[in-house]
Full PDB file with SEQRES, HELIX, SHEET, SSBOND, CRYST1, ORIGX, SCALE, CONECT and MASTER records, all heavy atoms in Angstrom:
SEQRES   1 A   33  LEU ILE HIS SER HIS GLY PHE SER ALA GLY LEU LEU MET          
SEQRES   2 A   33  VAL PRO VAL ALA LYS TYR THR LYS VAL PRO HIS ILE VAL          
SEQRES   3 A   33  THR THR HIS ASP VAL PHE GLN                                  
HELIX    1 AA1 PHE A    7  THR A   20  1                                  14    
SHEET    1 AA1 2 ILE A   2  HIS A   5  0                                        
SHEET    2 AA1 2 HIS A  24  THR A  27  1                                        
CRYST1    1.000    1.000    1.000  90.00  90.00  90.00 P 1           1          
ORIGX1      1.000000  0.000000  0.000000        0.00000                         
ORIGX2      0.000000  1.000000  0.000000        0.00000                         
ORIGX3      0.000000  0.000000  1.000000        0.00000                         
SCALE1      1.000000  0.000000  0.000000        0.00000                         
SCALE2      0.000000  1.000000  0.000000        0.00000                         
SCALE3      0.000000  0.000000  1.000000        0.00000                         
ATOM      1  N   LEU A   1     150.569-120.264  20.357  1.00  0.00           N  
ATOM      2  CA  LEU A   1     149.909-120.755  19.215  1.00  0.00           C  
ATOM      3  C   LEU A   1     150.890-121.150  18.149  1.00  0.00           C  
ATOM      4  O   LEU A   1     151.892-120.417  17.971  1.00  0.00           O  
ATOM      5  CB  LEU A   1     148.946-119.642  18.637  1.00  0.00           C  
ATOM      6  CG  LEU A   1     148.144-120.026  17.454  1.00  0.00           C  
ATOM      7  CD1 LEU A   1     147.135-121.030  17.644  1.00  0.00           C  
ATOM      8  CD2 LEU A   1     147.493-118.753  16.813  1.00  0.00           C  
ATOM      9  N   ILE A   2     150.649-122.263  17.446  1.00  0.00           N  
ATOM     10  CA  ILE A   2     151.330-122.614  16.152  1.00  0.00           C  
ATOM     11  C   ILE A   2     150.363-122.145  15.120  1.00  0.00           C  
ATOM     12  O   ILE A   2     149.142-122.659  15.057  1.00  0.00           O  
ATOM     13  CB  ILE A   2     151.634-124.086  16.149  1.00  0.00           C  
ATOM     14  CG1 ILE A   2     152.483-124.414  17.251  1.00  0.00           C  
ATOM     15  CG2 ILE A   2     152.359-124.315  14.753  1.00  0.00           C  
ATOM     16  CD1 ILE A   2     152.706-125.963  17.460  1.00  0.00           C  
ATOM     17  N   HIS A   3     150.860-121.404  14.055  1.00  0.00           N  
ATOM     18  CA  HIS A   3     150.005-121.151  12.901  1.00  0.00           C  
ATOM     19  C   HIS A   3     150.809-121.621  11.630  1.00  0.00           C  
ATOM     20  O   HIS A   3     151.637-121.038  11.190  1.00  0.00           O  
ATOM     21  CB  HIS A   3     149.706-119.620  12.866  1.00  0.00           C  
ATOM     22  CG  HIS A   3     148.805-119.191  11.795  1.00  0.00           C  
ATOM     23  ND1 HIS A   3     148.335-117.938  11.631  1.00  0.00           N  
ATOM     24  CD2 HIS A   3     148.106-119.994  10.916  1.00  0.00           C  
ATOM     25  CE1 HIS A   3     147.413-117.891  10.623  1.00  0.00           C  
ATOM     26  NE2 HIS A   3     147.249-119.143  10.199  1.00  0.00           N  
ATOM     27  N   SER A   4     150.291-122.748  11.143  1.00  0.00           N  
ATOM     28  CA  SER A   4     150.910-123.298   9.997  1.00  0.00           C  
ATOM     29  C   SER A   4     150.178-122.674   8.687  1.00  0.00           C  
ATOM     30  O   SER A   4     149.007-122.268   8.662  1.00  0.00           O  
ATOM     31  CB  SER A   4     150.577-124.856   9.883  1.00  0.00           C  
ATOM     32  OG  SER A   4     151.248-125.422  10.986  1.00  0.00           O  
ATOM     33  N   HIS A   5     151.008-122.541   7.688  1.00  0.00           N  
ATOM     34  CA  HIS A   5     150.551-122.006   6.377  1.00  0.00           C  
ATOM     35  C   HIS A   5     150.847-123.011   5.354  1.00  0.00           C  
ATOM     36  O   HIS A   5     151.884-123.361   4.929  1.00  0.00           O  
ATOM     37  CB  HIS A   5     151.192-120.651   6.138  1.00  0.00           C  
ATOM     38  CG  HIS A   5     150.779-119.609   7.021  1.00  0.00           C  
ATOM     39  ND1 HIS A   5     149.742-118.738   6.772  1.00  0.00           N  
ATOM     40  CD2 HIS A   5     151.143-119.312   8.298  1.00  0.00           C  
ATOM     41  CE1 HIS A   5     149.568-117.833   7.698  1.00  0.00           C  
ATOM     42  NE2 HIS A   5     150.424-118.235   8.608  1.00  0.00           N  
ATOM     43  N   GLY A   6     149.643-123.485   4.762  1.00  0.00           N  
ATOM     44  CA  GLY A   6     149.697-124.456   3.627  1.00  0.00           C  
ATOM     45  C   GLY A   6     149.420-125.938   4.253  1.00  0.00           C  
ATOM     46  O   GLY A   6     149.707-126.066   5.413  1.00  0.00           O  
ATOM     47  N   PHE A   7     148.886-126.717   3.475  1.00  0.00           N  
ATOM     48  CA  PHE A   7     148.539-128.081   3.905  1.00  0.00           C  
ATOM     49  C   PHE A   7     149.750-128.815   4.423  1.00  0.00           C  
ATOM     50  O   PHE A   7     149.768-129.567   5.376  1.00  0.00           O  
ATOM     51  CB  PHE A   7     147.828-128.870   2.761  1.00  0.00           C  
ATOM     52  CG  PHE A   7     146.523-128.294   2.450  1.00  0.00           C  
ATOM     53  CD1 PHE A   7     146.168-127.902   1.205  1.00  0.00           C  
ATOM     54  CD2 PHE A   7     145.415-128.351   3.394  1.00  0.00           C  
ATOM     55  CE1 PHE A   7     144.929-127.476   0.818  1.00  0.00           C  
ATOM     56  CE2 PHE A   7     144.285-127.739   3.068  1.00  0.00           C  
ATOM     57  CZ  PHE A   7     144.023-127.447   1.834  1.00  0.00           C  
ATOM     58  N   SER A   8     150.906-128.742   3.622  1.00  0.00           N  
ATOM     59  CA  SER A   8     152.067-129.570   3.968  1.00  0.00           C  
ATOM     60  C   SER A   8     152.535-129.204   5.388  1.00  0.00           C  
ATOM     61  O   SER A   8     152.827-130.113   6.234  1.00  0.00           O  
ATOM     62  CB  SER A   8     153.215-129.385   2.870  1.00  0.00           C  
ATOM     63  OG  SER A   8     152.729-129.749   1.713  1.00  0.00           O  
ATOM     64  N   ALA A   9     152.721-127.876   5.610  1.00  0.00           N  
ATOM     65  CA  ALA A   9     153.199-127.483   6.939  1.00  0.00           C  
ATOM     66  C   ALA A   9     152.197-127.804   8.067  1.00  0.00           C  
ATOM     67  O   ALA A   9     152.608-128.326   9.170  1.00  0.00           O  
ATOM     68  CB  ALA A   9     153.484-125.958   6.863  1.00  0.00           C  
ATOM     69  N   GLY A  10     150.973-127.624   7.779  1.00  0.00           N  
ATOM     70  CA  GLY A  10     149.959-127.985   8.702  1.00  0.00           C  
ATOM     71  C   GLY A  10     149.997-129.395   9.155  1.00  0.00           C  
ATOM     72  O   GLY A  10     149.835-129.764  10.426  1.00  0.00           O  
ATOM     73  N   LEU A  11     149.995-130.338   8.123  1.00  0.00           N  
ATOM     74  CA  LEU A  11     150.048-131.749   8.485  1.00  0.00           C  
ATOM     75  C   LEU A  11     151.332-132.155   9.271  1.00  0.00           C  
ATOM     76  O   LEU A  11     151.306-132.885  10.198  1.00  0.00           O  
ATOM     77  CB  LEU A  11     149.954-132.540   7.247  1.00  0.00           C  
ATOM     78  CG  LEU A  11     148.626-132.327   6.475  1.00  0.00           C  
ATOM     79  CD1 LEU A  11     148.687-132.864   5.147  1.00  0.00           C  
ATOM     80  CD2 LEU A  11     147.405-132.973   7.282  1.00  0.00           C  
ATOM     81  N   LEU A  12     152.486-131.574   8.880  1.00  0.00           N  
ATOM     82  CA  LEU A  12     153.676-131.949   9.579  1.00  0.00           C  
ATOM     83  C   LEU A  12     153.751-131.356  10.950  1.00  0.00           C  
ATOM     84  O   LEU A  12     154.425-131.934  11.829  1.00  0.00           O  
ATOM     85  CB  LEU A  12     154.878-131.231   8.776  1.00  0.00           C  
ATOM     86  CG  LEU A  12     155.131-132.060   7.432  1.00  0.00           C  
ATOM     87  CD1 LEU A  12     156.193-131.046   6.633  1.00  0.00           C  
ATOM     88  CD2 LEU A  12     155.712-133.351   7.648  1.00  0.00           C  
ATOM     89  N   MET A  13     152.907-130.314  11.278  1.00  0.00           N  
ATOM     90  CA  MET A  13     152.922-129.746  12.739  1.00  0.00           C  
ATOM     91  C   MET A  13     152.016-130.493  13.576  1.00  0.00           C  
ATOM     92  O   MET A  13     151.911-130.228  14.771  1.00  0.00           O  
ATOM     93  CB  MET A  13     152.649-128.234  12.614  1.00  0.00           C  
ATOM     94  CG  MET A  13     153.791-127.369  12.114  1.00  0.00           C  
ATOM     95  SD  MET A  13     155.257-127.519  13.180  1.00  0.00           S  
ATOM     96  CE  MET A  13     156.301-128.559  12.256  1.00  0.00           C  
ATOM     97  N   VAL A  14     151.151-131.292  13.017  1.00  0.00           N  
ATOM     98  CA  VAL A  14     150.088-131.977  13.902  1.00  0.00           C  
ATOM     99  C   VAL A  14     150.691-132.772  14.955  1.00  0.00           C  
ATOM    100  O   VAL A  14     150.372-132.556  16.210  1.00  0.00           O  
ATOM    101  CB  VAL A  14     149.202-132.910  12.972  1.00  0.00           C  
ATOM    102  CG1 VAL A  14     148.332-133.763  13.940  1.00  0.00           C  
ATOM    103  CG2 VAL A  14     148.217-132.063  12.173  1.00  0.00           C  
ATOM    104  N   PRO A  15     151.673-133.711  14.814  1.00  0.00           N  
ATOM    105  CA  PRO A  15     152.259-134.553  15.925  1.00  0.00           C  
ATOM    106  C   PRO A  15     153.112-133.542  16.872  1.00  0.00           C  
ATOM    107  O   PRO A  15     153.047-133.737  18.030  1.00  0.00           O  
ATOM    108  CB  PRO A  15     153.213-135.479  15.247  1.00  0.00           C  
ATOM    109  CG  PRO A  15     153.361-135.064  13.876  1.00  0.00           C  
ATOM    110  CD  PRO A  15     152.219-134.201  13.463  1.00  0.00           C  
ATOM    111  N   VAL A  16     153.721-132.604  16.238  1.00  0.00           N  
ATOM    112  CA  VAL A  16     154.502-131.560  17.082  1.00  0.00           C  
ATOM    113  C   VAL A  16     153.577-130.782  18.005  1.00  0.00           C  
ATOM    114  O   VAL A  16     153.910-130.736  19.293  1.00  0.00           O  
ATOM    115  CB  VAL A  16     155.240-130.554  16.229  1.00  0.00           C  
ATOM    116  CG1 VAL A  16     155.876-129.464  17.075  1.00  0.00           C  
ATOM    117  CG2 VAL A  16     156.264-131.294  15.283  1.00  0.00           C  
ATOM    118  N   ALA A  17     152.383-130.338  17.521  1.00  0.00           N  
ATOM    119  CA  ALA A  17     151.432-129.641  18.380  1.00  0.00           C  
ATOM    120  C   ALA A  17     150.852-130.498  19.379  1.00  0.00           C  
ATOM    121  O   ALA A  17     150.589-130.185  20.566  1.00  0.00           O  
ATOM    122  CB  ALA A  17     150.374-128.991  17.503  1.00  0.00           C  
ATOM    123  N   LYS A  18     150.528-131.798  18.960  1.00  0.00           N  
ATOM    124  CA  LYS A  18     149.854-132.689  19.820  1.00  0.00           C  
ATOM    125  C   LYS A  18     150.747-132.970  21.046  1.00  0.00           C  
ATOM    126  O   LYS A  18     150.253-133.007  22.182  1.00  0.00           O  
ATOM    127  CB  LYS A  18     149.524-133.998  19.173  1.00  0.00           C  
ATOM    128  CG  LYS A  18     148.927-135.066  20.011  1.00  0.00           C  
ATOM    129  CD  LYS A  18     148.502-136.286  19.186  1.00  0.00           C  
ATOM    130  CE  LYS A  18     148.078-137.464  20.085  1.00  0.00           C  
ATOM    131  NZ  LYS A  18     146.890-137.091  20.984  1.00  0.00           N  
ATOM    132  N   TYR A  19     152.015-133.289  20.816  1.00  0.00           N  
ATOM    133  CA  TYR A  19     152.824-133.688  21.948  1.00  0.00           C  
ATOM    134  C   TYR A  19     153.495-132.593  22.763  1.00  0.00           C  
ATOM    135  O   TYR A  19     154.066-132.801  23.812  1.00  0.00           O  
ATOM    136  CB  TYR A  19     154.005-134.717  21.338  1.00  0.00           C  
ATOM    137  CG  TYR A  19     153.363-135.910  21.030  1.00  0.00           C  
ATOM    138  CD1 TYR A  19     153.282-136.262  19.592  1.00  0.00           C  
ATOM    139  CD2 TYR A  19     152.978-136.905  21.995  1.00  0.00           C  
ATOM    140  CE1 TYR A  19     152.744-137.582  19.299  1.00  0.00           C  
ATOM    141  CE2 TYR A  19     152.438-138.083  21.610  1.00  0.00           C  
ATOM    142  CZ  TYR A  19     152.281-138.471  20.317  1.00  0.00           C  
ATOM    143  OH  TYR A  19     151.645-139.641  19.876  1.00  0.00           O  
ATOM    144  N   THR A  20     153.390-131.400  22.307  1.00  0.00           N  
ATOM    145  CA  THR A  20     153.884-130.251  23.100  1.00  0.00           C  
ATOM    146  C   THR A  20     152.703-129.435  23.605  1.00  0.00           C  
ATOM    147  O   THR A  20     152.883-128.485  24.441  1.00  0.00           O  
ATOM    148  CB  THR A  20     154.681-129.179  22.208  1.00  0.00           C  
ATOM    149  OG1 THR A  20     153.911-128.771  21.019  1.00  0.00           O  
ATOM    150  CG2 THR A  20     156.052-129.861  21.589  1.00  0.00           C  
ATOM    151  N   LYS A  21     151.480-129.888  23.266  1.00  0.00           N  
ATOM    152  CA  LYS A  21     150.268-129.367  23.776  1.00  0.00           C  
ATOM    153  C   LYS A  21     150.053-127.925  23.543  1.00  0.00           C  
ATOM    154  O   LYS A  21     149.579-127.108  24.376  1.00  0.00           O  
ATOM    155  CB  LYS A  21     150.127-129.677  25.279  1.00  0.00           C  
ATOM    156  CG  LYS A  21     150.014-131.117  25.572  1.00  0.00           C  
ATOM    157  CD  LYS A  21     149.977-131.305  27.144  1.00  0.00           C  
ATOM    158  CE  LYS A  21     149.559-132.845  27.485  1.00  0.00           C  
ATOM    159  NZ  LYS A  21     150.137-133.834  26.602  1.00  0.00           N  
ATOM    160  N   VAL A  22     150.479-127.418  22.300  1.00  0.00           N  
ATOM    161  CA  VAL A  22     150.357-126.029  21.969  1.00  0.00           C  
ATOM    162  C   VAL A  22     149.235-126.021  20.865  1.00  0.00           C  
ATOM    163  O   VAL A  22     149.099-126.826  20.022  1.00  0.00           O  
ATOM    164  CB  VAL A  22     151.603-125.518  21.273  1.00  0.00           C  
ATOM    165  CG1 VAL A  22     151.420-124.060  20.790  1.00  0.00           C  
ATOM    166  CG2 VAL A  22     152.776-125.579  22.287  1.00  0.00           C  
ATOM    167  N   PRO A  23     148.177-125.100  21.043  1.00  0.00           N  
ATOM    168  CA  PRO A  23     147.185-124.933  20.094  1.00  0.00           C  
ATOM    169  C   PRO A  23     147.653-124.721  18.702  1.00  0.00           C  
ATOM    170  O   PRO A  23     148.566-124.062  18.524  1.00  0.00           O  
ATOM    171  CB  PRO A  23     146.415-123.724  20.588  1.00  0.00           C  
ATOM    172  CG  PRO A  23     146.668-123.572  22.123  1.00  0.00           C  
ATOM    173  CD  PRO A  23     148.106-124.110  22.229  1.00  0.00           C  
ATOM    174  N   HIS A  24     147.030-125.326  17.745  1.00  0.00           N  
ATOM    175  CA  HIS A  24     147.499-125.363  16.366  1.00  0.00           C  
ATOM    176  C   HIS A  24     146.383-125.003  15.329  1.00  0.00           C  
ATOM    177  O   HIS A  24     145.297-125.692  15.389  1.00  0.00           O  
ATOM    178  CB  HIS A  24     148.037-126.731  16.034  1.00  0.00           C  
ATOM    179  CG  HIS A  24     148.457-126.910  14.690  1.00  0.00           C  
ATOM    180  ND1 HIS A  24     148.435-128.112  13.939  1.00  0.00           N  
ATOM    181  CD2 HIS A  24     149.131-126.033  13.762  1.00  0.00           C  
ATOM    182  CE1 HIS A  24     148.955-127.946  12.725  1.00  0.00           C  
ATOM    183  NE2 HIS A  24     149.424-126.598  12.643  1.00  0.00           N  
ATOM    184  N   ILE A  25     146.555-123.997  14.543  1.00  0.00           N  
ATOM    185  CA  ILE A  25     145.658-123.726  13.442  1.00  0.00           C  
ATOM    186  C   ILE A  25     146.392-123.812  12.178  1.00  0.00           C  
ATOM    187  O   ILE A  25     147.644-123.600  12.097  1.00  0.00           O  
ATOM    188  CB  ILE A  25     144.879-122.373  13.652  1.00  0.00           C  
ATOM    189  CG1 ILE A  25     145.918-121.248  13.474  1.00  0.00           C  
ATOM    190  CG2 ILE A  25     144.311-122.250  14.978  1.00  0.00           C  
ATOM    191  CD1 ILE A  25     145.242-119.858  13.422  1.00  0.00           C  
ATOM    192  N   VAL A  26     145.682-124.023  11.022  1.00  0.00           N  
ATOM    193  CA  VAL A  26     146.316-124.022   9.772  1.00  0.00           C  
ATOM    194  C   VAL A  26     145.576-123.174   8.838  1.00  0.00           C  
ATOM    195  O   VAL A  26     144.216-123.105   8.879  1.00  0.00           O  
ATOM    196  CB  VAL A  26     146.433-125.347   9.110  1.00  0.00           C  
ATOM    197  CG1 VAL A  26     145.008-126.048   8.942  1.00  0.00           C  
ATOM    198  CG2 VAL A  26     147.170-125.374   7.868  1.00  0.00           C  
ATOM    199  N   THR A  27     146.238-122.306   7.979  1.00  0.00           N  
ATOM    200  CA  THR A  27     145.602-121.445   7.002  1.00  0.00           C  
ATOM    201  C   THR A  27     145.853-122.330   5.635  1.00  0.00           C  
ATOM    202  O   THR A  27     147.014-122.571   5.343  1.00  0.00           O  
ATOM    203  CB  THR A  27     146.117-120.058   6.815  1.00  0.00           C  
ATOM    204  OG1 THR A  27     145.704-119.356   8.052  1.00  0.00           O  
ATOM    205  CG2 THR A  27     145.495-119.340   5.734  1.00  0.00           C  
ATOM    206  N   THR A  28     144.839-122.575   4.901  1.00  0.00           N  
ATOM    207  CA  THR A  28     144.958-123.459   3.758  1.00  0.00           C  
ATOM    208  C   THR A  28     145.745-122.955   2.546  1.00  0.00           C  
ATOM    209  O   THR A  28     146.518-123.597   2.014  1.00  0.00           O  
ATOM    210  CB  THR A  28     143.571-124.106   3.287  1.00  0.00           C  
ATOM    211  OG1 THR A  28     142.755-122.995   2.960  1.00  0.00           O  
ATOM    212  CG2 THR A  28     142.983-124.746   4.534  1.00  0.00           C  
ATOM    213  N   HIS A  29     145.436-121.783   2.028  1.00  0.00           N  
ATOM    214  CA  HIS A  29     145.960-121.169   0.931  1.00  0.00           C  
ATOM    215  C   HIS A  29     145.843-121.910  -0.421  1.00  0.00           C  
ATOM    216  O   HIS A  29     146.352-121.509  -1.372  1.00  0.00           O  
ATOM    217  CB  HIS A  29     147.522-120.868   1.169  1.00  0.00           C  
ATOM    218  CG  HIS A  29     147.802-119.968   2.268  1.00  0.00           C  
ATOM    219  ND1 HIS A  29     147.578-118.587   2.215  1.00  0.00           N  
ATOM    220  CD2 HIS A  29     148.196-120.226   3.554  1.00  0.00           C  
ATOM    221  CE1 HIS A  29     148.028-117.964   3.297  1.00  0.00           C  
ATOM    222  NE2 HIS A  29     148.387-118.869   4.129  1.00  0.00           N  
ATOM    223  N   ASP A  30     145.142-122.989  -0.409  1.00  0.00           N  
ATOM    224  CA  ASP A  30     145.076-123.764  -1.641  1.00  0.00           C  
ATOM    225  C   ASP A  30     143.804-124.572  -1.648  1.00  0.00           C  
ATOM    226  O   ASP A  30     143.012-124.611  -0.710  1.00  0.00           O  
ATOM    227  CB  ASP A  30     146.225-124.713  -1.775  1.00  0.00           C  
ATOM    228  CG  ASP A  30     146.650-125.046  -3.118  1.00  0.00           C  
ATOM    229  OD1 ASP A  30     145.777-124.870  -4.101  1.00  0.00           O  
ATOM    230  OD2 ASP A  30     147.785-125.398  -3.555  1.00  0.00           O  
ATOM    231  N   VAL A  31     143.476-125.346  -2.694  1.00  0.00           N  
ATOM    232  CA  VAL A  31     142.357-126.212  -2.760  1.00  0.00           C  
ATOM    233  C   VAL A  31     142.766-127.674  -3.221  1.00  0.00           C  
ATOM    234  O   VAL A  31     143.837-127.727  -3.683  1.00  0.00           O  
ATOM    235  CB  VAL A  31     141.273-125.689  -3.749  1.00  0.00           C  
ATOM    236  CG1 VAL A  31     140.705-124.313  -3.271  1.00  0.00           C  
ATOM    237  CG2 VAL A  31     141.926-125.534  -5.099  1.00  0.00           C  
ATOM    238  N   PHE A  32     141.873-128.565  -3.070  1.00  0.00           N  
ATOM    239  CA  PHE A  32     141.990-129.901  -3.423  1.00  0.00           C  
ATOM    240  C   PHE A  32     141.349-130.168  -4.785  1.00  0.00           C  
ATOM    241  O   PHE A  32     140.384-129.566  -5.155  1.00  0.00           O  
ATOM    242  CB  PHE A  32     141.546-130.889  -2.476  1.00  0.00           C  
ATOM    243  CG  PHE A  32     142.313-130.980  -1.078  1.00  0.00           C  
ATOM    244  CD1 PHE A  32     141.807-130.263   0.002  1.00  0.00           C  
ATOM    245  CD2 PHE A  32     143.483-131.577  -1.055  1.00  0.00           C  
ATOM    246  CE1 PHE A  32     142.593-130.195   1.223  1.00  0.00           C  
ATOM    247  CE2 PHE A  32     144.258-131.587   0.136  1.00  0.00           C  
ATOM    248  CZ  PHE A  32     143.775-130.934   1.236  1.00  0.00           C  
ATOM    249  N   GLN A  33     141.910-131.144  -5.492  1.00  0.00           N  
ATOM    250  CA  GLN A  33     141.336-131.641  -6.753  1.00  0.00           C  
ATOM    251  C   GLN A  33     141.271-133.197  -6.847  1.00  0.00           C  
ATOM    252  O   GLN A  33     141.996-133.815  -6.084  1.00  0.00           O  
ATOM    253  CB  GLN A  33     142.223-131.111  -8.003  1.00  0.00           C  
ATOM    254  CG  GLN A  33     142.384-129.583  -8.058  1.00  0.00           C  
ATOM    255  CD  GLN A  33     143.160-129.211  -9.177  1.00  0.00           C  
ATOM    256  OE1 GLN A  33     142.843-129.091 -10.279  1.00  0.00           O  
ATOM    257  NE2 GLN A  33     144.532-128.970  -8.800  1.00  0.00           N  
TER     258      GLN A  33                                                      
MASTER        0    0    0    1    2    0    0    6  257    1    0    3          
END                                                                             
C-alpha cells in the first residue's frame, strides 16, 4: 500500500501508484476554500 498524507503528496503519487499498480490511499489533513 501507498499511504499519502496531505493533498500535495496524494496527487503526486497518483501516476506513481497507477503505473506500479500499488493500491493508493490519501489522508487529507486539510480542507478546501
